[in-house]
N, C-alpha and C. Protein backbone atom coordinates (compact mmCIF):
# COMPACT_ATOMS: atom_id res chain seq x y z
N UNK A 1 0.82 -1.19 0.00
CA UNK A 1 0.00 0.00 0.00
C UNK A 1 0.87 1.25 0.00
N UNK A 2 1.96 1.20 0.79
CA UNK A 2 2.89 2.31 0.85
C UNK A 2 3.51 2.56 -0.52
N UNK A 3 3.83 1.46 -1.18
CA UNK A 3 4.44 1.54 -2.51
C UNK A 3 3.50 2.24 -3.49
N UNK A 4 2.22 1.92 -3.39
CA UNK A 4 1.23 2.51 -4.28
C UNK A 4 1.18 4.02 -4.10
N UNK A 5 1.14 4.47 -2.84
CA UNK A 5 1.08 5.90 -2.57
C UNK A 5 2.36 6.63 -2.97
N UNK A 6 3.47 5.94 -2.99
CA UNK A 6 4.72 6.55 -3.44
C UNK A 6 4.84 6.56 -4.96
N UNK A 7 4.32 5.53 -5.61
CA UNK A 7 4.43 5.42 -7.07
C UNK A 7 3.46 6.32 -7.81
N UNK A 8 2.30 6.55 -7.26
CA UNK A 8 1.30 7.38 -7.96
C UNK A 8 1.82 8.81 -8.16
N UNK A 9 2.31 9.51 -7.14
CA UNK A 9 2.84 10.86 -7.40
C UNK A 9 4.04 10.83 -8.36
N UNK A 10 4.88 9.81 -8.23
CA UNK A 10 6.02 9.67 -9.12
C UNK A 10 5.56 9.50 -10.57
N UNK A 11 4.54 8.68 -10.76
CA UNK A 11 3.98 8.46 -12.09
C UNK A 11 3.39 9.75 -12.66
N UNK A 12 2.70 10.51 -11.82
CA UNK A 12 2.09 11.76 -12.28
C UNK A 12 3.18 12.76 -12.69
N UNK A 13 4.24 12.83 -11.92
CA UNK A 13 5.32 13.76 -12.22
C UNK A 13 6.06 13.37 -13.49
N UNK A 14 6.28 12.08 -13.68
CA UNK A 14 7.09 11.63 -14.80
C UNK A 14 6.31 11.42 -16.10
N UNK A 15 5.00 11.59 -16.10
CA UNK A 15 4.24 11.35 -17.32
C UNK A 15 4.61 12.32 -18.43
N UNK A 16 5.10 13.49 -18.09
CA UNK A 16 5.53 14.46 -19.10
C UNK A 16 6.84 14.09 -19.76
N UNK A 17 7.53 13.08 -19.27
CA UNK A 17 8.84 12.70 -19.80
C UNK A 17 8.73 11.72 -20.96
N UNK A 18 7.57 11.22 -21.26
CA UNK A 18 7.42 10.25 -22.35
C UNK A 18 7.60 10.93 -23.69
N UNK A 19 8.38 10.31 -24.57
CA UNK A 19 8.56 10.83 -25.92
C UNK A 19 7.32 10.61 -26.76
N UNK A 20 6.79 9.41 -26.68
CA UNK A 20 5.63 9.07 -27.49
C UNK A 20 4.50 8.59 -26.60
N UNK A 21 3.42 9.34 -26.61
CA UNK A 21 2.28 8.92 -25.79
C UNK A 21 1.56 7.75 -26.41
N UNK A 22 1.90 7.41 -27.65
CA UNK A 22 1.29 6.24 -28.28
C UNK A 22 1.70 4.96 -27.58
N UNK A 23 2.81 4.99 -26.86
CA UNK A 23 3.29 3.81 -26.15
C UNK A 23 2.69 3.68 -24.76
N UNK A 24 2.17 4.77 -24.20
CA UNK A 24 1.71 4.76 -22.81
C UNK A 24 0.52 3.82 -22.65
N UNK A 25 -0.50 3.98 -23.49
CA UNK A 25 -1.69 3.15 -23.37
C UNK A 25 -1.40 1.67 -23.50
N UNK A 26 -0.74 1.26 -24.57
CA UNK A 26 -0.43 -0.16 -24.72
C UNK A 26 0.46 -0.70 -23.60
N UNK A 27 1.40 0.11 -23.14
CA UNK A 27 2.28 -0.34 -22.05
C UNK A 27 1.47 -0.56 -20.79
N UNK A 28 0.57 0.36 -20.49
CA UNK A 28 -0.27 0.21 -19.30
C UNK A 28 -1.18 -1.00 -19.44
N UNK A 29 -1.68 -1.25 -20.64
CA UNK A 29 -2.51 -2.44 -20.88
C UNK A 29 -1.70 -3.71 -20.65
N UNK A 30 -0.50 -3.73 -21.18
CA UNK A 30 0.35 -4.91 -21.02
C UNK A 30 0.70 -5.14 -19.56
N UNK A 31 1.03 -4.08 -18.85
CA UNK A 31 1.40 -4.22 -17.44
C UNK A 31 0.20 -4.65 -16.61
N UNK A 32 -0.96 -4.07 -16.85
CA UNK A 32 -2.10 -4.35 -15.99
C UNK A 32 -2.77 -5.69 -16.33
N UNK A 33 -2.88 -6.03 -17.60
CA UNK A 33 -3.60 -7.25 -17.96
C UNK A 33 -2.69 -8.38 -18.38
N UNK A 34 -1.51 -8.07 -18.88
CA UNK A 34 -0.61 -9.10 -19.38
C UNK A 34 -1.00 -9.59 -20.76
N UNK A 35 -1.98 -8.94 -21.39
CA UNK A 35 -2.46 -9.33 -22.70
C UNK A 35 -1.58 -8.66 -23.77
N UNK A 36 -0.59 -9.38 -24.24
CA UNK A 36 0.38 -8.83 -25.19
C UNK A 36 -0.25 -8.49 -26.53
N UNK A 37 -1.13 -9.36 -27.03
CA UNK A 37 -1.74 -9.12 -28.34
C UNK A 37 -2.62 -7.87 -28.31
N UNK A 38 -3.32 -7.65 -27.23
CA UNK A 38 -4.15 -6.45 -27.11
C UNK A 38 -3.27 -5.20 -27.07
N UNK A 39 -2.17 -5.28 -26.35
CA UNK A 39 -1.25 -4.15 -26.25
C UNK A 39 -0.64 -3.82 -27.61
N UNK A 40 -0.22 -4.84 -28.35
CA UNK A 40 0.36 -4.62 -29.68
C UNK A 40 -0.70 -4.05 -30.63
N UNK A 41 -1.90 -4.58 -30.57
CA UNK A 41 -2.98 -4.07 -31.42
C UNK A 41 -3.27 -2.61 -31.15
N UNK A 42 -3.29 -2.24 -29.89
CA UNK A 42 -3.52 -0.84 -29.53
C UNK A 42 -2.39 0.04 -30.04
N UNK A 43 -1.16 -0.43 -29.88
CA UNK A 43 -0.01 0.35 -30.34
C UNK A 43 -0.05 0.55 -31.86
N UNK A 44 -0.32 -0.52 -32.59
CA UNK A 44 -0.37 -0.43 -34.05
C UNK A 44 -1.49 0.51 -34.50
N UNK A 45 -2.64 0.43 -33.84
CA UNK A 45 -3.75 1.31 -34.17
C UNK A 45 -3.38 2.76 -33.90
N UNK A 46 -2.78 3.01 -32.75
CA UNK A 46 -2.37 4.38 -32.42
C UNK A 46 -1.38 4.92 -33.44
N UNK A 47 -0.41 4.11 -33.83
CA UNK A 47 0.58 4.54 -34.82
C UNK A 47 -0.07 4.80 -36.18
N UNK A 48 -1.00 3.95 -36.57
CA UNK A 48 -1.68 4.13 -37.86
C UNK A 48 -2.49 5.42 -37.86
N UNK A 49 -3.18 5.70 -36.76
CA UNK A 49 -3.94 6.95 -36.66
C UNK A 49 -3.00 8.14 -36.70
N UNK A 50 -1.88 8.03 -36.01
CA UNK A 50 -0.92 9.13 -35.98
C UNK A 50 -0.32 9.38 -37.37
N UNK A 51 0.00 8.34 -38.09
CA UNK A 51 0.56 8.51 -39.44
C UNK A 51 -0.48 9.07 -40.40
N UNK A 52 -1.71 8.64 -40.27
CA UNK A 52 -2.77 9.06 -41.18
C UNK A 52 -3.20 10.51 -40.94
N UNK A 53 -3.35 10.87 -39.66
CA UNK A 53 -3.90 12.19 -39.34
C UNK A 53 -2.88 13.17 -38.81
N UNK A 54 -1.75 12.67 -38.33
CA UNK A 54 -0.76 13.55 -37.72
C UNK A 54 -1.10 13.89 -36.28
N UNK A 55 -2.13 13.26 -35.74
CA UNK A 55 -2.55 13.51 -34.37
C UNK A 55 -2.54 12.20 -33.59
N UNK A 56 -2.44 12.34 -32.27
CA UNK A 56 -2.58 11.17 -31.42
C UNK A 56 -4.05 10.74 -31.43
N UNK A 57 -4.30 9.51 -31.02
CA UNK A 57 -5.67 8.98 -31.05
C UNK A 57 -6.61 9.81 -30.20
N UNK A 58 -6.18 10.16 -28.99
CA UNK A 58 -7.06 10.94 -28.11
C UNK A 58 -7.32 12.34 -28.68
N UNK A 59 -6.34 12.93 -29.36
CA UNK A 59 -6.55 14.23 -29.99
C UNK A 59 -7.58 14.13 -31.10
N UNK A 60 -7.51 13.06 -31.88
CA UNK A 60 -8.46 12.86 -32.97
C UNK A 60 -9.87 12.69 -32.42
N UNK A 61 -10.00 11.93 -31.35
CA UNK A 61 -11.32 11.70 -30.75
C UNK A 61 -11.89 13.01 -30.23
N UNK A 62 -11.06 13.80 -29.54
CA UNK A 62 -11.52 15.10 -29.03
C UNK A 62 -11.95 16.00 -30.17
N UNK A 63 -11.18 16.00 -31.25
CA UNK A 63 -11.52 16.84 -32.41
C UNK A 63 -12.86 16.42 -33.01
N UNK A 64 -13.07 15.11 -33.16
CA UNK A 64 -14.32 14.61 -33.73
C UNK A 64 -15.51 14.94 -32.83
N UNK A 65 -15.33 14.80 -31.53
CA UNK A 65 -16.42 15.13 -30.59
C UNK A 65 -16.76 16.61 -30.66
N UNK A 66 -15.73 17.47 -30.73
CA UNK A 66 -15.96 18.90 -30.84
C UNK A 66 -16.68 19.25 -32.15
N UNK A 67 -16.28 18.61 -33.25
CA UNK A 67 -16.95 18.85 -34.53
C UNK A 67 -18.41 18.43 -34.45
N UNK A 68 -18.68 17.30 -33.80
CA UNK A 68 -20.06 16.84 -33.66
C UNK A 68 -20.88 17.81 -32.82
N UNK A 69 -20.25 18.33 -31.75
CA UNK A 69 -20.95 19.31 -30.91
C UNK A 69 -21.29 20.56 -31.72
N UNK A 70 -20.33 21.02 -32.55
CA UNK A 70 -20.57 22.20 -33.37
C UNK A 70 -21.68 21.96 -34.39
N UNK A 71 -21.69 20.76 -35.00
CA UNK A 71 -22.74 20.44 -35.95
C UNK A 71 -24.11 20.44 -35.27
N UNK A 72 -24.17 19.84 -34.08
CA UNK A 72 -25.42 19.79 -33.34
C UNK A 72 -25.88 21.20 -32.97
N UNK A 73 -24.92 22.02 -32.53
CA UNK A 73 -25.24 23.40 -32.16
C UNK A 73 -25.72 24.18 -33.39
N UNK A 74 -25.05 23.99 -34.54
CA UNK A 74 -25.45 24.67 -35.77
C UNK A 74 -26.85 24.25 -36.19
N UNK A 75 -27.15 22.94 -36.09
CA UNK A 75 -28.49 22.47 -36.44
C UNK A 75 -29.54 23.10 -35.55
N UNK A 76 -29.23 23.20 -34.25
CA UNK A 76 -30.17 23.80 -33.31
C UNK A 76 -30.40 25.27 -33.64
N UNK A 77 -29.32 25.99 -33.93
CA UNK A 77 -29.44 27.41 -34.27
C UNK A 77 -30.22 27.58 -35.57
N UNK A 78 -29.93 26.75 -36.58
CA UNK A 78 -30.66 26.82 -37.85
C UNK A 78 -32.14 26.54 -37.66
N UNK A 79 -32.46 25.58 -36.79
CA UNK A 79 -33.87 25.27 -36.53
C UNK A 79 -34.55 26.45 -35.85
N UNK A 80 -33.87 27.06 -34.87
CA UNK A 80 -34.44 28.23 -34.19
C UNK A 80 -34.64 29.39 -35.16
N UNK A 81 -33.66 29.61 -36.04
CA UNK A 81 -33.78 30.69 -37.02
C UNK A 81 -34.93 30.41 -38.00
N UNK A 82 -35.08 29.15 -38.37
CA UNK A 82 -36.16 28.78 -39.27
C UNK A 82 -37.52 29.05 -38.63
N UNK A 83 -37.65 28.69 -37.36
CA UNK A 83 -38.91 28.92 -36.65
C UNK A 83 -39.17 30.43 -36.54
N UNK A 84 -38.13 31.20 -36.24
CA UNK A 84 -38.29 32.65 -36.14
C UNK A 84 -38.70 33.25 -37.47
N UNK A 85 -38.11 32.76 -38.56
CA UNK A 85 -38.44 33.26 -39.89
C UNK A 85 -39.89 32.93 -40.24
N UNK A 86 -40.31 31.71 -39.95
CA UNK A 86 -41.70 31.32 -40.21
C UNK A 86 -42.67 32.18 -39.41
N UNK A 87 -42.34 32.43 -38.15
CA UNK A 87 -43.19 33.30 -37.33
C UNK A 87 -43.22 34.72 -37.87
N UNK A 88 -42.08 35.20 -38.35
CA UNK A 88 -42.01 36.54 -38.92
C UNK A 88 -42.87 36.63 -40.18
N UNK A 89 -42.81 35.59 -41.00
CA UNK A 89 -43.62 35.58 -42.23
C UNK A 89 -45.10 35.56 -41.88
N UNK A 90 -45.49 34.73 -40.91
CA UNK A 90 -46.90 34.70 -40.49
C UNK A 90 -47.35 36.06 -39.96
N UNK A 91 -46.47 36.67 -39.15
CA UNK A 91 -46.82 37.99 -38.61
C UNK A 91 -46.96 39.02 -39.73
N UNK A 92 -46.06 38.96 -40.71
CA UNK A 92 -46.12 39.90 -41.83
C UNK A 92 -47.40 39.68 -42.63
N UNK A 93 -47.77 38.43 -42.86
CA UNK A 93 -49.00 38.12 -43.58
C UNK A 93 -50.22 38.63 -42.80
N UNK A 94 -50.17 38.48 -41.50
CA UNK A 94 -51.27 38.97 -40.66
C UNK A 94 -51.38 40.48 -40.75
N UNK A 95 -50.24 41.17 -40.74
CA UNK A 95 -50.24 42.63 -40.86
C UNK A 95 -50.81 43.06 -42.20
N UNK A 96 -50.41 42.39 -43.28
CA UNK A 96 -50.93 42.71 -44.62
C UNK A 96 -52.44 42.49 -44.67
N UNK A 97 -52.89 41.39 -44.11
CA UNK A 97 -54.32 41.10 -44.07
C UNK A 97 -55.08 42.17 -43.29
N UNK A 98 -54.56 42.55 -42.14
CA UNK A 98 -55.21 43.58 -41.34
C UNK A 98 -55.23 44.93 -42.06
N UNK A 99 -54.14 45.28 -42.73
CA UNK A 99 -54.11 46.55 -43.48
C UNK A 99 -55.14 46.55 -44.60
N UNK A 100 -55.29 45.44 -45.29
CA UNK A 100 -56.31 45.34 -46.37
C UNK A 100 -57.71 45.50 -45.79
N UNK A 101 -57.95 44.82 -44.66
CA UNK A 101 -59.29 44.92 -44.05
C UNK A 101 -59.56 46.34 -43.56
N UNK A 102 -58.54 47.02 -43.03
CA UNK A 102 -58.72 48.40 -42.59
C UNK A 102 -59.03 49.28 -43.78
N UNK A 103 -58.33 49.10 -44.90
CA UNK A 103 -58.59 49.89 -46.11
C UNK A 103 -60.00 49.65 -46.63
N UNK A 104 -60.43 48.38 -46.63
CA UNK A 104 -61.79 48.05 -47.09
C UNK A 104 -62.83 48.70 -46.19
N UNK A 105 -62.57 48.62 -44.90
CA UNK A 105 -63.51 49.22 -43.94
C UNK A 105 -63.57 50.73 -44.12
N UNK A 106 -62.43 51.39 -44.31
CA UNK A 106 -62.40 52.83 -44.54
C UNK A 106 -63.16 53.19 -45.81
N UNK A 107 -62.93 52.40 -46.85
CA UNK A 107 -63.62 52.66 -48.11
C UNK A 107 -65.13 52.53 -47.95
N UNK A 108 -65.55 51.53 -47.20
CA UNK A 108 -66.98 51.34 -46.96
C UNK A 108 -67.54 52.51 -46.14
N UNK A 109 -66.83 52.91 -45.11
CA UNK A 109 -67.28 54.03 -44.26
C UNK A 109 -67.27 55.35 -45.01
N UNK A 110 -66.30 55.56 -45.87
CA UNK A 110 -66.21 56.80 -46.64
C UNK A 110 -67.24 56.88 -47.74
N UNK A 111 -67.64 55.75 -48.28
CA UNK A 111 -68.61 55.75 -49.37
C UNK A 111 -70.02 56.01 -48.89
N UNK A 112 -70.33 55.80 -47.62
CA UNK A 112 -71.68 56.03 -47.09
C UNK A 112 -71.97 57.45 -46.85
């Protein structure tokens, strides 16, 4: 237990010393589970993503999530603007209708 409390702060301090964070995840998987094939698969996937996109896997995921949030926000704003525009058009049509009725009523009152 003492070892754990001493190693955790040491691990936190030294995490900035890693050259490639693509190795951290697979290494931790290998150490914790002992599953070598899973660790190698994770490493290869991370390297492939890094070569393809130029970003680490976690950076790519964060970017995609942010893009999805922006798309969702844009859709919500577009829907709100559409509703506002429809309401504005209805209000304008109502105003035109009322103005016509007022003109008709004035014409009727003036002709008598």
